[in-house]
PDB file of N, CA and C in Angstrom:
ATOM      1  N   MET A   1    -112.659-188.504 118.591  1.00  0.00           N
ATOM      2  CA  MET A   1    -112.205-189.404 117.562  1.00  0.00           C
ATOM      3  C   MET A   1    -111.509-190.619 118.167  1.00  0.00           C
ATOM      4  N   ASN A   2    -110.788-190.390 119.260  1.00  0.00           N
ATOM      5  CA  ASN A   2    -110.119-191.512 119.927  1.00  0.00           C
ATOM      6  C   ASN A   2    -111.128-192.486 120.511  1.00  0.00           C
ATOM      7  N   ASP A   3    -112.306-191.957 120.932  1.00  0.00           N
ATOM      8  CA  ASP A   3    -113.361-192.848 121.438  1.00  0.00           C
ATOM      9  C   ASP A   3    -113.822-193.812 120.354  1.00  0.00           C
ATOM     10  N   ILE A   4    -113.998-193.302 119.156  1.00  0.00           N
ATOM     11  CA  ILE A   4    -114.466-194.148 118.045  1.00  0.00           C
ATOM     12  C   ILE A   4    -113.449-195.242 117.760  1.00  0.00           C
ATOM     13  N   PHE A   5    -112.171-194.874 117.705  1.00  0.00           N
ATOM     14  CA  PHE A   5    -111.143-195.887 117.452  1.00  0.00           C
ATOM     15  C   PHE A   5    -111.062-196.888 118.599  1.00  0.00           C
ATOM     16  N   GLY A   6    -111.268-196.420 119.811  1.00  0.00           N
ATOM     17  CA  GLY A   6    -111.274-197.322 120.961  1.00  0.00           C
ATOM     18  C   GLY A   6    -112.421-198.306 120.899  1.00  0.00           C
ATOM     19  N   GLN A   7    -113.601-197.835 120.466  1.00  0.00           N
ATOM     20  CA  GLN A   7    -114.747-198.730 120.336  1.00  0.00           C
ATOM     21  C   GLN A   7    -114.522-199.760 119.240  1.00  0.00           C
ATOM     22  N   VAL A   8    -113.938-199.325 118.139  1.00  0.00           N
ATOM     23  CA  VAL A   8    -113.645-200.267 117.060  1.00  0.00           C
ATOM     24  C   VAL A   8    -112.675-201.327 117.554  1.00  0.00           C
ATOM     25  N   ALA A   9    -111.684-200.918 118.309  1.00  0.00           N
ATOM     26  CA  ALA A   9    -110.706-201.878 118.828  1.00  0.00           C
ATOM     27  C   ALA A   9    -111.349-202.841 119.819  1.00  0.00           C
ATOM     28  N   ASN A  10    -112.275-202.340 120.638  1.00  0.00           N
ATOM     29  CA  ASN A  10    -112.879-203.188 121.670  1.00  0.00           C
ATOM     30  C   ASN A  10    -114.021-204.056 121.143  1.00  0.00           C
ATOM     31  N   LEU A  11    -114.877-203.499 120.316  1.00  0.00           N
ATOM     32  CA  LEU A  11    -116.080-204.222 119.890  1.00  0.00           C
ATOM     33  C   LEU A  11    -115.948-204.893 118.534  1.00  0.00           C
ATOM     34  N   GLY A  12    -115.104-204.381 117.720  1.00  0.00           N
ATOM     35  CA  GLY A  12    -114.972-204.928 116.385  1.00  0.00           C
ATOM     36  C   GLY A  12    -115.728-204.077 115.382  1.00  0.00           C
ATOM     37  N   PHE A  13    -115.172-204.024 114.204  1.00  0.00           N
ATOM     38  CA  PHE A  13    -115.725-203.164 113.152  1.00  0.00           C
ATOM     39  C   PHE A  13    -117.178-203.475 112.804  1.00  0.00           C
ATOM     40  N   PRO A  14    -117.565-204.729 112.586  1.00  0.00           N
ATOM     41  CA  PRO A  14    -118.969-205.008 112.219  1.00  0.00           C
ATOM     42  C   PRO A  14    -119.976-204.581 113.281  1.00  0.00           C
ATOM     43  N   ILE A  15    -119.636-204.722 114.535  1.00  0.00           N
ATOM     44  CA  ILE A  15    -120.555-204.346 115.605  1.00  0.00           C
ATOM     45  C   ILE A  15    -120.738-202.839 115.633  1.00  0.00           C
ATOM     46  N   VAL A  16    -119.659-202.086 115.483  1.00  0.00           N
ATOM     47  CA  VAL A  16    -119.750-200.628 115.487  1.00  0.00           C
ATOM     48  C   VAL A  16    -120.578-200.140 114.311  1.00  0.00           C
ATOM     49  N   ILE A  17    -120.357-200.706 113.132  1.00  0.00           N
ATOM     50  CA  ILE A  17    -121.130-200.317 111.947  1.00  0.00           C
ATOM     51  C   ILE A  17    -122.602-200.666 112.144  1.00  0.00           C
ATOM     52  N   SER A  18    -122.893-201.822 112.699  1.00  0.00           N
ATOM     53  CA  SER A  18    -124.289-202.219 112.945  1.00  0.00           C
ATOM     54  C   SER A  18    -124.984-201.265 113.900  1.00  0.00           C
ATOM     55  N   ILE A  19    -124.326-200.896 114.965  1.00  0.00           N
ATOM     56  CA  ILE A  19    -124.908-199.958 115.932  1.00  0.00           C
ATOM     57  C   ILE A  19    -125.142-198.606 115.279  1.00  0.00           C
ATOM     58  N   TYR A  20    -124.174-198.139 114.515  1.00  0.00           N
ATOM     59  CA  TYR A  20    -124.308-196.851 113.824  1.00  0.00           C
ATOM     60  C   TYR A  20    -125.506-196.859 112.879  1.00  0.00           C
ATOM     61  N   LEU A  21    -125.640-197.916 112.091  1.00  0.00           N
ATOM     62  CA  LEU A  21    -126.753-197.996 111.143  1.00  0.00           C
ATOM     63  C   LEU A  21    -128.094-198.110 111.857  1.00  0.00           C
ATOM     64  N   LEU A  22    -128.156-198.854 112.944  1.00  0.00           N
ATOM     65  CA  LEU A  22    -129.401-198.969 113.699  1.00  0.00           C
ATOM     66  C   LEU A  22    -129.838-197.623 114.248  1.00  0.00           C
ATOM     67  N   ILE A  23    -128.893-196.856 114.760  1.00  0.00           N
ATOM     68  CA  ILE A  23    -129.221-195.537 115.293  1.00  0.00           C
ATOM     69  C   ILE A  23    -129.684-194.607 114.178  1.00  0.00           C
ATOM     70  N   ARG A  24    -129.005-194.654 113.037  1.00  0.00           N
ATOM     71  CA  ARG A  24    -129.348-193.764 111.920  1.00  0.00           C
ATOM     72  C   ARG A  24    -130.702-194.117 111.306  1.00  0.00           C
ATOM     73  N   LEU A  25    -131.019-195.399 111.219  1.00  0.00           N
ATOM     74  CA  LEU A  25    -132.236-195.833 110.537  1.00  0.00           C
ATOM     75  C   LEU A  25    -133.453-195.895 111.442  1.00  0.00           C
ATOM     76  N   GLU A  26    -133.269-195.788 112.745  1.00  0.00           N
ATOM     77  CA  GLU A  26    -134.382-195.935 113.683  1.00  0.00           C
ATOM     78  C   GLU A  26    -135.486-194.911 113.419  1.00  0.00           C
ATOM     79  N   GLY A  27    -135.119-193.661 113.227  1.00  0.00           N
ATOM     80  CA  GLY A  27    -136.109-192.616 112.967  1.00  0.00           C
ATOM     81  C   GLY A  27    -136.856-192.833 111.673  1.00  0.00           C
ATOM     82  N   LYS A  28    -136.156-193.309 110.655  1.00  0.00           N
ATOM     83  CA  LYS A  28    -136.796-193.559 109.364  1.00  0.00           C
ATOM     84  C   LYS A  28    -137.777-194.724 109.458  1.00  0.00           C
ATOM     85  N   VAL A  29    -137.413-195.744 110.195  1.00  0.00           N
ATOM     86  CA  VAL A  29    -138.303-196.892 110.363  1.00  0.00           C
ATOM     87  C   VAL A  29    -139.558-196.479 111.120  1.00  0.00           C
ATOM     88  N   GLU A  30    -139.406-195.640 112.132  1.00  0.00           N
ATOM     89  CA  GLU A  30    -140.567-195.171 112.894  1.00  0.00           C
ATOM     90  C   GLU A  30    -141.500-194.347 112.016  1.00  0.00           C
ATOM     91  N   SER A  31    -140.940-193.471 111.174  1.00  0.00           N
ATOM     92  CA  SER A  31    -141.803-192.662 110.310  1.00  0.00           C
ATOM     93  C   SER A  31    -142.485-193.532 109.254  1.00  0.00           C
ATOM     94  N   LEU A  32    -141.808-194.550 108.760  1.00  0.00           N
ATOM     95  CA  LEU A  32    -142.445-195.472 107.816  1.00  0.00           C
ATOM     96  C   LEU A  32    -143.578-196.252 108.477  1.00  0.00           C
ATOM     97  N   THR A  33    -143.399-196.650 109.713  1.00  0.00           N
ATOM     98  CA  THR A  33    -144.449-197.356 110.444  1.00  0.00           C
ATOM     99  C   THR A  33    -145.679-196.473 110.607  1.00  0.00           C
ATOM    100  N   ILE A  34    -145.468-195.208 110.949  1.00  0.00           N
ATOM    101  CA  ILE A  34    -146.585-194.270 111.088  1.00  0.00           C
ATOM    102  C   ILE A  34    -147.292-194.090 109.759  1.00  0.00           C
ATOM    103  N   SER A  35    -146.533-193.952 108.674  1.00  0.00           N
ATOM    104  CA  SER A  35    -147.127-193.776 107.351  1.00  0.00           C
ATOM    105  C   SER A  35    -147.943-194.998 106.929  1.00  0.00           C
ATOM    106  N   ILE A  36    -147.441-196.178 107.214  1.00  0.00           N
ATOM    107  CA  ILE A  36    -148.164-197.404 106.862  1.00  0.00           C
ATOM    108  C   ILE A  36    -149.463-197.494 107.646  1.00  0.00           C
ATOM    109  N   ASN A  37    -149.440-197.132 108.917  1.00  0.00           N
ATOM    110  CA  ASN A  37    -150.658-197.158 109.729  1.00  0.00           C
ATOM    111  C   ASN A  37    -151.686-196.151 109.218  1.00  0.00           C
ATOM    112  N   GLU A  38    -151.225-194.951 108.817  1.00  0.00           N
ATOM    113  CA  GLU A  38    -152.134-193.951 108.265  1.00  0.00           C
ATOM    114  C   GLU A  38    -152.728-194.428 106.941  1.00  0.00           C
ATOM    115  N   LEU A  39    -151.924-195.087 106.123  1.00  0.00           N
ATOM    116  CA  LEU A  39    -152.412-195.630 104.857  1.00  0.00           C
ATOM    117  C   LEU A  39    -153.481-196.696 105.091  1.00  0.00           C
ATOM    118  N   ALA A  40    -153.262-197.542 106.077  1.00  0.00           N
ATOM    119  CA  ALA A  40    -154.248-198.578 106.393  1.00  0.00           C
ATOM    120  C   ALA A  40    -155.563-197.955 106.841  1.00  0.00           C
ATOM    121  N   LYS A  41    -155.491-196.896 107.644  1.00  0.00           N
ATOM    122  CA  LYS A  41    -156.707-196.210 108.081  1.00  0.00           C
ATOM    123  C   LYS A  41    -157.429-195.575 106.893  1.00  0.00           C
ATOM    124  N   SER A  42    -156.673-194.979 105.970  1.00  0.00           N
ATOM    125  CA  SER A  42    -157.278-194.364 104.788  1.00  0.00           C
ATOM    126  C   SER A  42    -157.964-195.410 103.915  1.00  0.00           C
ATOM    127  N   ILE A  43    -157.340-196.544 103.761  1.00  0.00           N
ATOM    128  CA  ILE A  43    -157.942-197.620 102.959  1.00  0.00           C
ATOM    129  C   ILE A  43    -159.216-198.109 103.625  1.00  0.00           C
ATOM    130  N   ASP A  44    -159.209-198.239 104.938  1.00  0.00           N
ATOM    131  CA  ASP A  44    -160.412-198.649 105.657  1.00  0.00           C
ATOM    132  C   ASP A  44    -161.542-197.645 105.452  1.00  0.00           C
ATOM    133  N   LEU A  45    -161.216-196.351 105.494  1.00  0.00           N
ATOM    134  CA  LEU A  45    -162.236-195.325 105.277  1.00  0.00           C
ATOM    135  C   LEU A  45    -162.801-195.401 103.863  1.00  0.00           C
ATOM    136  N   LEU A  46    -161.945-195.658 102.881  1.00  0.00           N
ATOM    137  CA  LEU A  46    -162.409-195.762 101.502  1.00  0.00           C
ATOM    138  C   LEU A  46    -163.331-196.962 101.317  1.00  0.00           C
ATOM    139  N   THR A  47    -163.012-198.069 101.960  1.00  0.00           N
ATOM    140  CA  THR A  47    -163.851-199.258 101.795  1.00  0.00           C
ATOM    141  C   THR A  47    -165.199-199.075 102.483  1.00  0.00           C
ATOM    142  N   VAL A  48    -165.263-198.278 103.539  1.00  0.00           N
ATOM    143  CA  VAL A  48    -166.516-198.018 104.234  1.00  0.00           C
ATOM    144  C   VAL A  48    -167.390-197.087 103.398  1.00  0.00           C
ATOM    145  N   LYS A  49    -166.793-196.076 102.747  1.00  0.00           N
ATOM    146  CA  LYS A  49    -167.544-195.093 101.972  1.00  0.00           C
ATOM    147  C   LYS A  49    -167.963-195.605 100.596  1.00  0.00           C
ATOM    148  N   THR A  50    -167.277-196.584 100.056  1.00  0.00           N
ATOM    149  CA  THR A  50    -167.566-197.100  98.719  1.00  0.00           C
ATOM    150  C   THR A  50    -168.720-198.085  98.786  1.00  0.00           C
ATOM    151  N   PRO A  51    -169.745-197.904  97.908  1.00  0.00           N
ATOM    152  CA  PRO A  51    -170.846-198.872  97.882  1.00  0.00           C
ATOM    153  C   PRO A  51    -170.354-200.246  97.444  1.00  0.00           C
ATOM    154  N   LYS A  52    -171.012-201.289  97.944  1.00  0.00           N
ATOM    155  CA  LYS A  52    -170.553-202.658  97.664  1.00  0.00           C
ATOM    156  C   LYS A  52    -170.785-203.072  96.221  1.00  0.00           C
ATOM    157  N   GLY A  53    -171.678-202.419  95.505  1.00  0.00           N
ATOM    158  CA  GLY A  53    -171.972-202.804  94.128  1.00  0.00           C
ATOM    159  C   GLY A  53    -170.913-202.358  93.142  1.00  0.00           C
ATOM    160  N   ILE A  54    -170.013-201.504  93.553  1.00  0.00           N
ATOM    161  CA  ILE A  54    -169.013-200.975  92.619  1.00  0.00           C
ATOM    162  C   ILE A  54    -167.764-201.809  92.638  1.00  0.00           C
TER     163      ILE A  54
END
């Protein structure tokens, strides 16, 4: 706990909060990127399988 207070004193509150949020959100952003890429591949497959007249 003293480390956290020391970091706040040295770096400043906004910097510590920014670092904390970046670390917490990094995994979520990576999973969203993977999901978006999978969605793009699925859409590409659908456009290939769908006849052009429809």
